[in-house]
Amino acid sequence: MTHGGVIAQVWRGGTGHQTPLARSLQAVETVPLDEELGRRAGVLLARSGLSDAVDAALAAIAAHGDRIITSDPHDLAALVAVTNRRVDVVPVS
């Protein structure tokens, strides 16, 4: 599961360069970054002392047992820690 803000951060250019990402997104549910999710993300930002709303919204939608694949494992791990859920943060380069 992801939200549109995450897609905006990774989508760069036309479909020729984005083919693997576009294929992967077909298997991922995308939820809206609406007011309710924004509020949940804001609470996580307050608890963690961090400021990236896109990362916080991703941590907010992660359920117990999920994995978050990220190039920013330190911030995501800090956000996940304040959710009190067990979510694996998997670093990629």
N, C-alpha and C. Protein backbone atom coordinates (compact mmCIF):
# COMPACT_ATOMS: atom_id res chain seq x y z
N MET A 1 0.86 -1.17 0.00
CA MET A 1 0.00 0.00 0.00
C MET A 1 0.91 1.23 0.00
N THR A 2 0.48 2.26 -0.69
CA THR A 2 1.21 3.52 -0.72
C THR A 2 0.20 4.65 -0.89
N HIS A 3 0.70 5.85 -1.01
CA HIS A 3 -0.17 7.00 -1.31
C HIS A 3 0.47 7.81 -2.43
N GLY A 4 -0.30 8.70 -3.01
CA GLY A 4 0.14 9.46 -4.17
C GLY A 4 1.38 10.30 -3.96
N GLY A 5 1.61 10.76 -2.73
CA GLY A 5 2.81 11.55 -2.46
C GLY A 5 4.08 10.74 -2.66
N VAL A 6 4.06 9.48 -2.29
CA VAL A 6 5.21 8.60 -2.49
C VAL A 6 5.45 8.42 -3.98
N ILE A 7 4.38 8.21 -4.73
CA ILE A 7 4.53 8.04 -6.17
C ILE A 7 5.15 9.29 -6.79
N ALA A 8 4.72 10.46 -6.35
CA ALA A 8 5.29 11.71 -6.86
C ALA A 8 6.79 11.79 -6.58
N GLN A 9 7.24 11.26 -5.45
CA GLN A 9 8.66 11.33 -5.12
C GLN A 9 9.51 10.40 -5.97
N VAL A 10 8.95 9.31 -6.47
CA VAL A 10 9.76 8.35 -7.22
C VAL A 10 9.52 8.39 -8.73
N TRP A 11 8.44 8.99 -9.18
CA TRP A 11 8.10 8.99 -10.61
C TRP A 11 8.88 10.09 -11.31
N ARG A 12 9.72 9.71 -12.24
CA ARG A 12 10.56 10.67 -12.95
C ARG A 12 10.52 10.42 -14.44
N GLY A 13 9.78 11.21 -15.15
CA GLY A 13 9.80 11.12 -16.60
C GLY A 13 8.79 10.17 -17.19
N GLY A 14 9.02 9.86 -18.45
CA GLY A 14 8.09 9.06 -19.23
C GLY A 14 8.09 7.60 -18.86
N THR A 15 7.18 6.87 -19.46
CA THR A 15 6.99 5.47 -19.12
C THR A 15 8.17 4.60 -19.55
N GLY A 16 8.96 5.02 -20.51
CA GLY A 16 10.12 4.23 -20.92
C GLY A 16 11.08 4.01 -19.78
N HIS A 17 11.32 5.04 -18.99
CA HIS A 17 12.22 4.93 -17.84
C HIS A 17 11.50 4.39 -16.62
N GLN A 18 10.21 4.46 -16.60
CA GLN A 18 9.43 4.10 -15.43
C GLN A 18 8.73 2.75 -15.55
N THR A 19 9.04 1.98 -16.59
CA THR A 19 8.34 0.73 -16.81
C THR A 19 8.36 -0.20 -15.60
N PRO A 20 9.53 -0.46 -14.98
CA PRO A 20 9.52 -1.35 -13.81
C PRO A 20 8.67 -0.80 -12.66
N LEU A 21 8.74 0.50 -12.43
CA LEU A 21 7.94 1.11 -11.37
C LEU A 21 6.45 1.02 -11.72
N ALA A 22 6.11 1.31 -12.95
CA ALA A 22 4.70 1.24 -13.37
C ALA A 22 4.15 -0.17 -13.19
N ARG A 23 4.95 -1.18 -13.52
CA ARG A 23 4.52 -2.57 -13.32
C ARG A 23 4.32 -2.86 -11.84
N SER A 24 5.26 -2.42 -11.03
CA SER A 24 5.16 -2.67 -9.59
C SER A 24 3.92 -2.00 -9.00
N LEU A 25 3.61 -0.81 -9.45
CA LEU A 25 2.46 -0.07 -8.90
C LEU A 25 1.14 -0.75 -9.21
N GLN A 26 1.09 -1.58 -10.25
CA GLN A 26 -0.13 -2.31 -10.57
C GLN A 26 -0.52 -3.27 -9.44
N ALA A 27 0.46 -3.70 -8.66
CA ALA A 27 0.22 -4.65 -7.58
C ALA A 27 0.09 -3.98 -6.22
N VAL A 28 0.11 -2.65 -6.22
CA VAL A 28 0.10 -1.90 -4.96
C VAL A 28 -1.16 -1.05 -4.88
N GLU A 29 -1.84 -1.12 -3.76
CA GLU A 29 -3.01 -0.26 -3.54
C GLU A 29 -2.51 1.16 -3.23
N THR A 30 -3.08 2.14 -3.90
CA THR A 30 -2.73 3.54 -3.65
C THR A 30 -3.91 4.22 -2.98
N VAL A 31 -3.66 4.78 -1.81
CA VAL A 31 -4.72 5.47 -1.07
C VAL A 31 -4.52 6.98 -1.19
N PRO A 32 -5.59 7.75 -1.07
CA PRO A 32 -5.45 9.21 -1.16
C PRO A 32 -4.82 9.79 0.10
N LEU A 33 -4.03 10.80 -0.09
CA LEU A 33 -3.48 11.56 1.03
C LEU A 33 -4.50 12.64 1.36
N ASP A 34 -5.54 12.22 2.07
CA ASP A 34 -6.67 13.10 2.38
C ASP A 34 -6.51 13.72 3.77
N GLU A 35 -7.52 14.41 4.22
CA GLU A 35 -7.45 15.10 5.51
C GLU A 35 -7.21 14.13 6.66
N GLU A 36 -7.90 13.01 6.67
CA GLU A 36 -7.76 12.05 7.76
C GLU A 36 -6.33 11.50 7.82
N LEU A 37 -5.77 11.11 6.67
CA LEU A 37 -4.40 10.61 6.65
C LEU A 37 -3.42 11.72 6.99
N GLY A 38 -3.70 12.92 6.53
CA GLY A 38 -2.86 14.06 6.87
C GLY A 38 -2.79 14.30 8.37
N ARG A 39 -3.91 14.18 9.04
CA ARG A 39 -3.94 14.35 10.50
C ARG A 39 -3.15 13.26 11.20
N ARG A 40 -3.34 12.02 10.75
CA ARG A 40 -2.59 10.90 11.34
C ARG A 40 -1.09 11.09 11.13
N ALA A 41 -0.71 11.54 9.94
CA ALA A 41 0.71 11.80 9.65
C ALA A 41 1.24 12.93 10.54
N GLY A 42 0.44 13.96 10.72
CA GLY A 42 0.85 15.07 11.57
C GLY A 42 1.12 14.65 13.00
N VAL A 43 0.31 13.75 13.51
CA VAL A 43 0.53 13.22 14.87
C VAL A 43 1.86 12.50 14.94
N LEU A 44 2.16 11.69 13.92
CA LEU A 44 3.45 10.99 13.90
C LEU A 44 4.62 11.96 13.82
N LEU A 45 4.46 13.03 13.05
CA LEU A 45 5.52 14.04 12.97
C LEU A 45 5.75 14.69 14.33
N ALA A 46 4.66 15.01 15.02
CA ALA A 46 4.80 15.61 16.35
C ALA A 46 5.49 14.66 17.32
N ARG A 47 5.11 13.40 17.28
CA ARG A 47 5.70 12.41 18.19
C ARG A 47 7.17 12.13 17.89
N SER A 48 7.54 12.17 16.61
CA SER A 48 8.90 11.80 16.20
C SER A 48 9.86 12.99 16.15
N GLY A 49 9.32 14.20 16.04
CA GLY A 49 10.17 15.37 15.87
C GLY A 49 10.69 15.54 14.46
N LEU A 50 10.15 14.79 13.51
CA LEU A 50 10.58 14.89 12.12
C LEU A 50 9.63 15.80 11.34
N SER A 51 9.93 16.02 10.04
CA SER A 51 9.13 16.99 9.30
C SER A 51 8.65 16.54 7.92
N ASP A 52 8.98 15.32 7.48
CA ASP A 52 8.61 14.88 6.14
C ASP A 52 7.21 14.28 6.16
N ALA A 53 6.24 15.04 5.65
CA ALA A 53 4.85 14.61 5.68
C ALA A 53 4.59 13.40 4.79
N VAL A 54 5.31 13.27 3.68
CA VAL A 54 5.12 12.12 2.79
C VAL A 54 5.54 10.84 3.51
N ASP A 55 6.71 10.86 4.15
CA ASP A 55 7.16 9.70 4.92
C ASP A 55 6.21 9.40 6.07
N ALA A 56 5.75 10.42 6.76
CA ALA A 56 4.86 10.22 7.91
C ALA A 56 3.54 9.60 7.47
N ALA A 57 3.02 10.01 6.34
CA ALA A 57 1.77 9.43 5.84
C ALA A 57 1.97 7.96 5.48
N LEU A 58 3.14 7.64 4.93
CA LEU A 58 3.43 6.24 4.62
C LEU A 58 3.49 5.41 5.90
N ALA A 59 4.16 5.91 6.91
CA ALA A 59 4.22 5.21 8.20
C ALA A 59 2.83 5.09 8.81
N ALA A 60 1.99 6.09 8.61
CA ALA A 60 0.65 6.07 9.18
C ALA A 60 -0.23 4.99 8.56
N ILE A 61 -0.03 4.67 7.28
CA ILE A 61 -0.87 3.66 6.64
C ILE A 61 -0.29 2.25 6.77
N ALA A 62 0.93 2.13 7.24
CA ALA A 62 1.55 0.81 7.39
C ALA A 62 0.88 0.06 8.54
N ALA A 63 0.52 -1.18 8.26
CA ALA A 63 -0.12 -2.02 9.28
C ALA A 63 0.91 -2.93 9.92
N HIS A 64 0.57 -3.44 11.07
CA HIS A 64 1.43 -4.39 11.78
C HIS A 64 1.82 -5.52 10.83
N GLY A 65 3.11 -5.78 10.71
CA GLY A 65 3.60 -6.85 9.84
C GLY A 65 3.94 -6.42 8.43
N ASP A 66 3.66 -5.17 8.06
CA ASP A 66 3.99 -4.67 6.72
C ASP A 66 5.50 -4.43 6.60
N ARG A 67 5.92 -4.20 5.35
CA ARG A 67 7.28 -3.79 5.05
C ARG A 67 7.22 -2.46 4.30
N ILE A 68 8.11 -1.56 4.67
CA ILE A 68 8.26 -0.31 3.92
C ILE A 68 9.62 -0.36 3.24
N ILE A 69 9.62 -0.26 1.93
CA ILE A 69 10.86 -0.25 1.15
C ILE A 69 11.20 1.20 0.87
N THR A 70 12.40 1.63 1.30
CA THR A 70 12.70 3.06 1.26
C THR A 70 14.18 3.34 1.07
N SER A 71 14.47 4.49 0.50
CA SER A 71 15.85 4.97 0.42
C SER A 71 16.17 5.84 1.64
N ASP A 72 15.22 6.02 2.53
CA ASP A 72 15.41 6.84 3.74
C ASP A 72 15.04 6.01 4.99
N PRO A 73 15.81 4.94 5.25
CA PRO A 73 15.41 4.03 6.32
C PRO A 73 15.45 4.64 7.72
N HIS A 74 16.33 5.59 7.96
CA HIS A 74 16.45 6.15 9.31
C HIS A 74 15.20 6.93 9.71
N ASP A 75 14.75 7.82 8.85
CA ASP A 75 13.54 8.59 9.17
C ASP A 75 12.31 7.71 9.22
N LEU A 76 12.18 6.77 8.27
CA LEU A 76 11.02 5.89 8.29
C LEU A 76 11.01 5.02 9.54
N ALA A 77 12.18 4.53 9.96
CA ALA A 77 12.25 3.72 11.18
C ALA A 77 11.82 4.53 12.39
N ALA A 78 12.23 5.80 12.44
CA ALA A 78 11.84 6.66 13.57
C ALA A 78 10.34 6.90 13.56
N LEU A 79 9.75 7.10 12.40
CA LEU A 79 8.31 7.30 12.31
C LEU A 79 7.55 6.03 12.66
N VAL A 80 8.01 4.90 12.17
CA VAL A 80 7.37 3.63 12.49
C VAL A 80 7.45 3.36 13.99
N ALA A 81 8.56 3.71 14.60
CA ALA A 81 8.74 3.45 16.04
C ALA A 81 7.65 4.11 16.87
N VAL A 82 7.19 5.28 16.47
CA VAL A 82 6.16 5.98 17.26
C VAL A 82 4.74 5.49 16.96
N THR A 83 4.60 4.56 15.99
CA THR A 83 3.28 3.98 15.72
C THR A 83 2.96 2.82 16.65
N ASN A 84 3.99 2.28 17.31
CA ASN A 84 3.83 1.10 18.17
C ASN A 84 3.35 -0.12 17.40
N ARG A 85 3.67 -0.16 16.09
CA ARG A 85 3.38 -1.34 15.27
C ARG A 85 4.71 -1.94 14.81
N ARG A 86 4.71 -3.23 14.59
CA ARG A 86 5.92 -3.87 14.06
C ARG A 86 5.85 -3.79 12.54
N VAL A 87 6.66 -2.91 11.98
CA VAL A 87 6.74 -2.72 10.53
C VAL A 87 8.22 -2.79 10.17
N ASP A 88 8.56 -3.65 9.23
CA ASP A 88 9.94 -3.77 8.79
C ASP A 88 10.25 -2.64 7.81
N VAL A 89 11.35 -1.94 8.05
CA VAL A 89 11.82 -0.88 7.16
C VAL A 89 13.00 -1.47 6.38
N VAL A 90 12.82 -1.59 5.06
CA VAL A 90 13.82 -2.24 4.21
C VAL A 90 14.53 -1.18 3.39
N PRO A 91 15.84 -1.01 3.60
CA PRO A 91 16.57 0.01 2.84
C PRO A 91 16.89 -0.44 1.41
N VAL A 92 16.78 0.50 0.49
CA VAL A 92 17.23 0.30 -0.90
C VAL A 92 18.10 1.49 -1.27
N SER A 93 18.96 1.29 -2.24
CA SER A 93 19.81 2.41 -2.65
C SER A 93 19.35 3.02 -3.94
